[in-house]
Structure formats: C-alpha cells, structure tokens
Amino acid sequence: MDVLIPDKTYFRIGEVSRILDVEPYVVRYWESEFKTVKPKRTTADHRLYRRQDLEELLLIKGLLYTDHFTIRGAKQELARRRSEYRDQERLIRIKQELEQLKDLLADENPH
C-alpha cells in the first residue's frame, strides 16, 4: 500500500481520513482500539495526528483491509512486530558492543 504522506508535522482528522481513504469515524474507532495512535489535542479538543500516528494507521488499515486480520488479530500482530523490532535493535547493539570489544582487544594485543 504505497501512500504518499505530505511533508507536514500535524494532520487534522479530515486529512488523515482522505489519506487513508476511510471515514473519520473509522479513524476515531481505530484510535480507540489501538493505543499506539495518540493524536495531540488542541485547546478546542480537535485531534492533531503526527506522521507517526498516520504511519501506524496505514499499517493498521493494511492489516485489517488487505491482510484481513480481525481487530484482535491486528493488535496481536502489531505487538509481535514491535517485539521483533525490539529484538532486532537489541541484537544490533550487542553486535556493535562486541565489535568495540574486539577492537579494544586487538589494540591491546598487537601481533
């Protein structure tokens, strides 16, 4: 699902609705179900979605409409992906630390 997201900091619900090609009530419902979507509120209590929220909503739409997950299944899939991402980040950090340790040991033991 290739969607061009305008280069903006915040998006109103109407813009989000148009970009996602769903009704505003659907966006509000997903916001209530998926706690990772947290728009800011203006003093007039209007929603302002960040790019990160919009990307999360696009992912949710893909899981629901393209991959045919249920709401519950989409929540589980998002949790699985977040866990997998954290594991990958952790492995990258471990690899970097091991490379630094290897460099330190090589510096201490020149042949």
N, C-alpha and C. Protein backbone atom coordinates (compact mmCIF):
# COMPACT_ATOMS: atom_id res chain seq x y z
N MET A 1 0.85 -1.16 0.00
CA MET A 1 0.00 0.00 0.00
C MET A 1 0.90 1.23 0.00
N ASP A 2 1.16 1.75 -1.18
CA ASP A 2 2.01 2.93 -1.30
C ASP A 2 1.16 4.18 -1.26
N VAL A 3 1.29 4.89 -0.16
CA VAL A 3 0.54 6.13 0.04
C VAL A 3 1.54 7.24 0.27
N LEU A 4 1.36 8.33 -0.42
CA LEU A 4 2.24 9.47 -0.25
C LEU A 4 1.72 10.32 0.90
N ILE A 5 2.54 10.44 1.94
CA ILE A 5 2.18 11.24 3.10
C ILE A 5 2.80 12.62 2.91
N PRO A 6 1.98 13.66 2.93
CA PRO A 6 2.52 15.02 2.78
C PRO A 6 3.56 15.32 3.86
N ASP A 7 4.51 16.17 3.52
CA ASP A 7 5.58 16.53 4.45
C ASP A 7 5.08 17.60 5.42
N LYS A 8 4.38 17.15 6.45
CA LYS A 8 3.82 18.06 7.45
C LYS A 8 4.08 17.46 8.83
N THR A 9 4.00 18.29 9.84
CA THR A 9 4.17 17.82 11.21
C THR A 9 2.88 17.25 11.77
N TYR A 10 1.78 17.94 11.53
CA TYR A 10 0.48 17.51 12.06
C TYR A 10 -0.57 17.44 10.97
N PHE A 11 -1.54 16.55 11.18
CA PHE A 11 -2.63 16.35 10.24
C PHE A 11 -3.95 16.37 11.01
N ARG A 12 -4.93 17.05 10.47
CA ARG A 12 -6.27 17.02 11.06
C ARG A 12 -6.97 15.73 10.65
N ILE A 13 -8.02 15.38 11.36
CA ILE A 13 -8.68 14.10 11.11
C ILE A 13 -9.23 14.00 9.68
N GLY A 14 -9.68 15.12 9.11
CA GLY A 14 -10.16 15.10 7.72
C GLY A 14 -9.07 14.72 6.75
N GLU A 15 -7.87 15.27 6.97
CA GLU A 15 -6.72 14.93 6.10
C GLU A 15 -6.35 13.46 6.26
N VAL A 16 -6.33 13.00 7.50
CA VAL A 16 -6.00 11.60 7.78
C VAL A 16 -7.02 10.69 7.10
N SER A 17 -8.28 11.05 7.22
CA SER A 17 -9.36 10.29 6.61
C SER A 17 -9.17 10.19 5.09
N ARG A 18 -8.83 11.32 4.45
CA ARG A 18 -8.62 11.31 2.99
C ARG A 18 -7.40 10.48 2.61
N ILE A 19 -6.31 10.63 3.35
CA ILE A 19 -5.09 9.88 3.04
C ILE A 19 -5.34 8.38 3.18
N LEU A 20 -6.06 7.99 4.23
CA LEU A 20 -6.34 6.58 4.47
C LEU A 20 -7.48 6.04 3.60
N ASP A 21 -8.27 6.95 3.05
CA ASP A 21 -9.46 6.61 2.27
C ASP A 21 -10.46 5.82 3.12
N VAL A 22 -10.69 6.34 4.34
CA VAL A 22 -11.72 5.80 5.23
C VAL A 22 -12.46 6.99 5.84
N GLU A 23 -13.61 6.73 6.39
CA GLU A 23 -14.40 7.79 7.03
C GLU A 23 -13.75 8.22 8.34
N PRO A 24 -13.95 9.47 8.76
CA PRO A 24 -13.38 9.93 10.03
C PRO A 24 -13.78 9.08 11.23
N TYR A 25 -15.00 8.53 11.25
CA TYR A 25 -15.41 7.71 12.39
C TYR A 25 -14.57 6.44 12.48
N VAL A 26 -14.08 5.96 11.33
CA VAL A 26 -13.22 4.77 11.33
C VAL A 26 -11.88 5.11 11.98
N VAL A 27 -11.35 6.28 11.65
CA VAL A 27 -10.09 6.73 12.25
C VAL A 27 -10.26 6.85 13.76
N ARG A 28 -11.37 7.45 14.19
CA ARG A 28 -11.62 7.59 15.63
C ARG A 28 -11.76 6.23 16.31
N TYR A 29 -12.43 5.29 15.64
CA TYR A 29 -12.59 3.95 16.20
C TYR A 29 -11.23 3.26 16.33
N TRP A 30 -10.41 3.34 15.28
CA TRP A 30 -9.09 2.72 15.36
C TRP A 30 -8.27 3.35 16.48
N GLU A 31 -8.40 4.65 16.62
CA GLU A 31 -7.69 5.36 17.70
C GLU A 31 -8.11 4.80 19.06
N SER A 32 -9.39 4.50 19.22
CA SER A 32 -9.87 3.97 20.50
C SER A 32 -9.41 2.53 20.73
N GLU A 33 -9.23 1.78 19.66
CA GLU A 33 -8.84 0.37 19.77
C GLU A 33 -7.33 0.16 19.84
N PHE A 34 -6.59 0.97 19.11
CA PHE A 34 -5.14 0.80 19.03
C PHE A 34 -4.47 1.94 19.79
N LYS A 35 -4.00 1.65 20.97
CA LYS A 35 -3.48 2.68 21.87
C LYS A 35 -2.17 3.30 21.39
N THR A 36 -1.57 2.75 20.34
CA THR A 36 -0.34 3.33 19.79
C THR A 36 -0.63 4.58 18.96
N VAL A 37 -1.88 4.82 18.64
CA VAL A 37 -2.28 6.02 17.91
C VAL A 37 -2.76 7.02 18.95
N LYS A 38 -1.96 8.07 19.14
CA LYS A 38 -2.25 9.05 20.19
C LYS A 38 -2.15 10.47 19.64
N PRO A 39 -3.21 10.95 18.99
CA PRO A 39 -3.14 12.31 18.47
C PRO A 39 -3.11 13.33 19.61
N LYS A 40 -2.47 14.44 19.32
CA LYS A 40 -2.50 15.57 20.27
C LYS A 40 -3.87 16.20 20.18
N ARG A 41 -4.22 16.92 21.22
CA ARG A 41 -5.50 17.64 21.23
C ARG A 41 -5.22 19.14 21.31
N THR A 42 -5.96 19.89 20.53
CA THR A 42 -5.84 21.35 20.60
C THR A 42 -6.67 21.83 21.79
N THR A 43 -6.59 23.11 22.07
CA THR A 43 -7.40 23.67 23.16
C THR A 43 -8.89 23.55 22.84
N ALA A 44 -9.23 23.47 21.56
CA ALA A 44 -10.62 23.27 21.14
C ALA A 44 -10.97 21.79 21.06
N ASP A 45 -10.07 20.93 21.54
CA ASP A 45 -10.25 19.48 21.58
C ASP A 45 -10.29 18.82 20.19
N HIS A 46 -9.65 19.46 19.21
CA HIS A 46 -9.52 18.84 17.89
C HIS A 46 -8.30 17.93 17.91
N ARG A 47 -8.39 16.86 17.14
CA ARG A 47 -7.29 15.91 17.05
C ARG A 47 -6.24 16.41 16.05
N LEU A 48 -4.97 16.29 16.43
CA LEU A 48 -3.86 16.56 15.52
C LEU A 48 -2.98 15.32 15.51
N TYR A 49 -2.97 14.63 14.37
CA TYR A 49 -2.20 13.40 14.23
C TYR A 49 -0.80 13.71 13.74
N ARG A 50 0.19 13.04 14.33
CA ARG A 50 1.57 13.18 13.88
C ARG A 50 1.81 12.20 12.73
N ARG A 51 2.90 12.39 12.05
CA ARG A 51 3.26 11.49 10.96
C ARG A 51 3.33 10.05 11.46
N GLN A 52 3.88 9.88 12.66
CA GLN A 52 4.00 8.55 13.27
C GLN A 52 2.61 7.92 13.46
N ASP A 53 1.63 8.72 13.87
CA ASP A 53 0.26 8.21 14.01
C ASP A 53 -0.29 7.78 12.65
N LEU A 54 -0.05 8.60 11.64
CA LEU A 54 -0.54 8.30 10.30
C LEU A 54 0.09 7.02 9.77
N GLU A 55 1.39 6.85 9.98
CA GLU A 55 2.06 5.63 9.53
C GLU A 55 1.48 4.41 10.25
N GLU A 56 1.21 4.54 11.55
CA GLU A 56 0.61 3.45 12.32
C GLU A 56 -0.79 3.13 11.80
N LEU A 57 -1.55 4.17 11.49
CA LEU A 57 -2.89 3.96 10.95
C LEU A 57 -2.85 3.29 9.58
N LEU A 58 -1.87 3.64 8.76
CA LEU A 58 -1.72 2.97 7.46
C LEU A 58 -1.40 1.49 7.66
N LEU A 59 -0.55 1.19 8.62
CA LEU A 59 -0.22 -0.20 8.94
C LEU A 59 -1.47 -0.94 9.42
N ILE A 60 -2.23 -0.31 10.30
CA ILE A 60 -3.46 -0.92 10.81
C ILE A 60 -4.44 -1.18 9.66
N LYS A 61 -4.60 -0.19 8.78
CA LYS A 61 -5.50 -0.37 7.64
C LYS A 61 -5.06 -1.56 6.78
N GLY A 62 -3.77 -1.66 6.55
CA GLY A 62 -3.26 -2.78 5.76
C GLY A 62 -3.55 -4.13 6.43
N LEU A 63 -3.34 -4.19 7.73
CA LEU A 63 -3.61 -5.44 8.45
C LEU A 63 -5.09 -5.81 8.39
N LEU A 64 -5.95 -4.81 8.53
CA LEU A 64 -7.39 -5.08 8.55
C LEU A 64 -7.97 -5.30 7.16
N TYR A 65 -7.63 -4.45 6.22
CA TYR A 65 -8.29 -4.48 4.92
C TYR A 65 -7.58 -5.37 3.90
N THR A 66 -6.26 -5.40 3.94
CA THR A 66 -5.51 -6.18 2.95
C THR A 66 -5.22 -7.59 3.47
N ASP A 67 -4.73 -7.67 4.71
CA ASP A 67 -4.36 -8.97 5.27
C ASP A 67 -5.53 -9.65 5.98
N HIS A 68 -6.65 -8.96 6.10
CA HIS A 68 -7.89 -9.49 6.66
C HIS A 68 -7.77 -9.98 8.10
N PHE A 69 -6.98 -9.27 8.91
CA PHE A 69 -6.91 -9.56 10.33
C PHE A 69 -8.18 -9.02 10.99
N THR A 70 -8.56 -9.62 12.10
CA THR A 70 -9.58 -9.04 12.95
C THR A 70 -8.90 -7.94 13.76
N ILE A 71 -9.69 -7.14 14.48
CA ILE A 71 -9.10 -6.12 15.35
C ILE A 71 -8.15 -6.80 16.34
N ARG A 72 -8.62 -7.86 16.96
CA ARG A 72 -7.81 -8.58 17.95
C ARG A 72 -6.53 -9.14 17.30
N GLY A 73 -6.69 -9.73 16.12
CA GLY A 73 -5.53 -10.27 15.41
C GLY A 73 -4.54 -9.19 15.01
N ALA A 74 -5.06 -8.02 14.59
CA ALA A 74 -4.18 -6.91 14.22
C ALA A 74 -3.40 -6.42 15.43
N LYS A 75 -4.07 -6.35 16.59
CA LYS A 75 -3.38 -5.94 17.82
C LYS A 75 -2.25 -6.91 18.14
N GLN A 76 -2.54 -8.21 18.02
CA GLN A 76 -1.51 -9.22 18.29
C GLN A 76 -0.36 -9.13 17.29
N GLU A 77 -0.68 -8.90 16.04
CA GLU A 77 0.35 -8.78 15.01
C GLU A 77 1.23 -7.56 15.25
N LEU A 78 0.61 -6.44 15.61
CA LEU A 78 1.39 -5.24 15.91
C LEU A 78 2.30 -5.47 17.11
N ALA A 79 1.80 -6.15 18.13
CA ALA A 79 2.62 -6.45 19.31
C ALA A 79 3.77 -7.37 18.93
N ARG A 80 3.49 -8.35 18.06
CA ARG A 80 4.54 -9.27 17.61
C ARG A 80 5.62 -8.51 16.84
N ARG A 81 5.20 -7.61 15.97
CA ARG A 81 6.15 -6.83 15.17
C ARG A 81 6.99 -5.90 16.05
N ARG A 82 6.36 -5.28 17.04
CA ARG A 82 7.11 -4.42 17.96
C ARG A 82 8.15 -5.22 18.73
N SER A 83 7.75 -6.41 19.17
CA SER A 83 8.67 -7.27 19.91
C SER A 83 9.83 -7.70 19.01
N GLU A 84 9.52 -8.07 17.78
CA GLU A 84 10.55 -8.47 16.82
C GLU A 84 11.50 -7.31 16.54
N TYR A 85 10.95 -6.11 16.40
CA TYR A 85 11.77 -4.91 16.15
C TYR A 85 12.70 -4.65 17.33
N ARG A 86 12.16 -4.77 18.56
CA ARG A 86 12.99 -4.56 19.76
C ARG A 86 14.11 -5.60 19.82
N ASP A 87 13.80 -6.84 19.47
CA ASP A 87 14.81 -7.90 19.46
C ASP A 87 15.90 -7.58 18.44
N GLN A 88 15.51 -7.10 17.27
CA GLN A 88 16.49 -6.74 16.24
C GLN A 88 17.37 -5.59 16.72
N GLU A 89 16.77 -4.58 17.33
CA GLU A 89 17.55 -3.46 17.86
C GLU A 89 18.55 -3.95 18.91
N ARG A 90 18.09 -4.84 19.77
CA ARG A 90 18.95 -5.37 20.83
C ARG A 90 20.13 -6.13 20.22
N LEU A 91 19.88 -6.93 19.20
CA LEU A 91 20.96 -7.68 18.54
C LEU A 91 21.95 -6.74 17.86
N ILE A 92 21.46 -5.68 17.26
CA ILE A 92 22.36 -4.71 16.62
C ILE A 92 23.26 -4.07 17.66
N ARG A 93 22.69 -3.69 18.82
CA ARG A 93 23.51 -3.10 19.89
C ARG A 93 24.54 -4.09 20.41
N ILE A 94 24.14 -5.34 20.58
CA ILE A 94 25.08 -6.36 21.05
C ILE A 94 26.21 -6.53 20.05
N LYS A 95 25.87 -6.56 18.77
CA LYS A 95 26.89 -6.71 17.74
C LYS A 95 27.87 -5.54 17.77
N GLN A 96 27.34 -4.32 17.92
CA GLN A 96 28.20 -3.13 17.98
C GLN A 96 29.13 -3.20 19.20
N GLU A 97 28.59 -3.62 20.33
CA GLU A 97 29.41 -3.73 21.54
C GLU A 97 30.50 -4.79 21.38
N LEU A 98 30.16 -5.91 20.75
CA LEU A 98 31.15 -6.96 20.51
C LEU A 98 32.24 -6.48 19.56
N GLU A 99 31.86 -5.71 18.55
CA GLU A 99 32.86 -5.17 17.62
C GLU A 99 33.79 -4.19 18.34
N GLN A 100 33.23 -3.37 19.23
CA GLN A 100 34.06 -2.45 20.01
C GLN A 100 35.01 -3.22 20.92
N LEU A 101 34.51 -4.27 21.54
CA LEU A 101 35.34 -5.10 22.41
C LEU A 101 36.45 -5.78 21.61
N LYS A 102 36.12 -6.26 20.43
CA LYS A 102 37.11 -6.88 19.55
C LYS A 102 38.20 -5.88 19.18
N ASP A 103 37.80 -4.65 18.86
CA ASP A 103 38.77 -3.60 18.52
C ASP A 103 39.67 -3.27 19.71
N LEU A 104 39.06 -3.20 20.91
CA LEU A 104 39.85 -2.94 22.12
C LEU A 104 40.88 -4.04 22.35
N LEU A 105 40.44 -5.28 22.20
CA LEU A 105 41.35 -6.42 22.40
C LEU A 105 42.45 -6.44 21.35
N ALA A 106 42.10 -6.08 20.13
CA ALA A 106 43.10 -6.04 19.06
C ALA A 106 44.14 -4.95 19.34
N ASP A 107 43.70 -3.80 19.89
CA ASP A 107 44.61 -2.72 20.23
C ASP A 107 45.56 -3.11 21.37
N GLU A 108 45.06 -3.92 22.30
CA GLU A 108 45.88 -4.32 23.46
C GLU A 108 46.85 -5.44 23.10
N ASN A 109 46.52 -6.21 22.10
CA ASN A 109 47.37 -7.36 21.72
C ASN A 109 47.82 -7.27 20.28
N PRO A 110 48.64 -6.26 19.94
CA PRO A 110 49.13 -6.21 18.55
C PRO A 110 50.10 -7.38 18.32
N HIS A 111 50.01 -8.00 17.20
CA HIS A 111 50.86 -9.17 16.91
C HIS A 111 52.20 -8.75 16.47
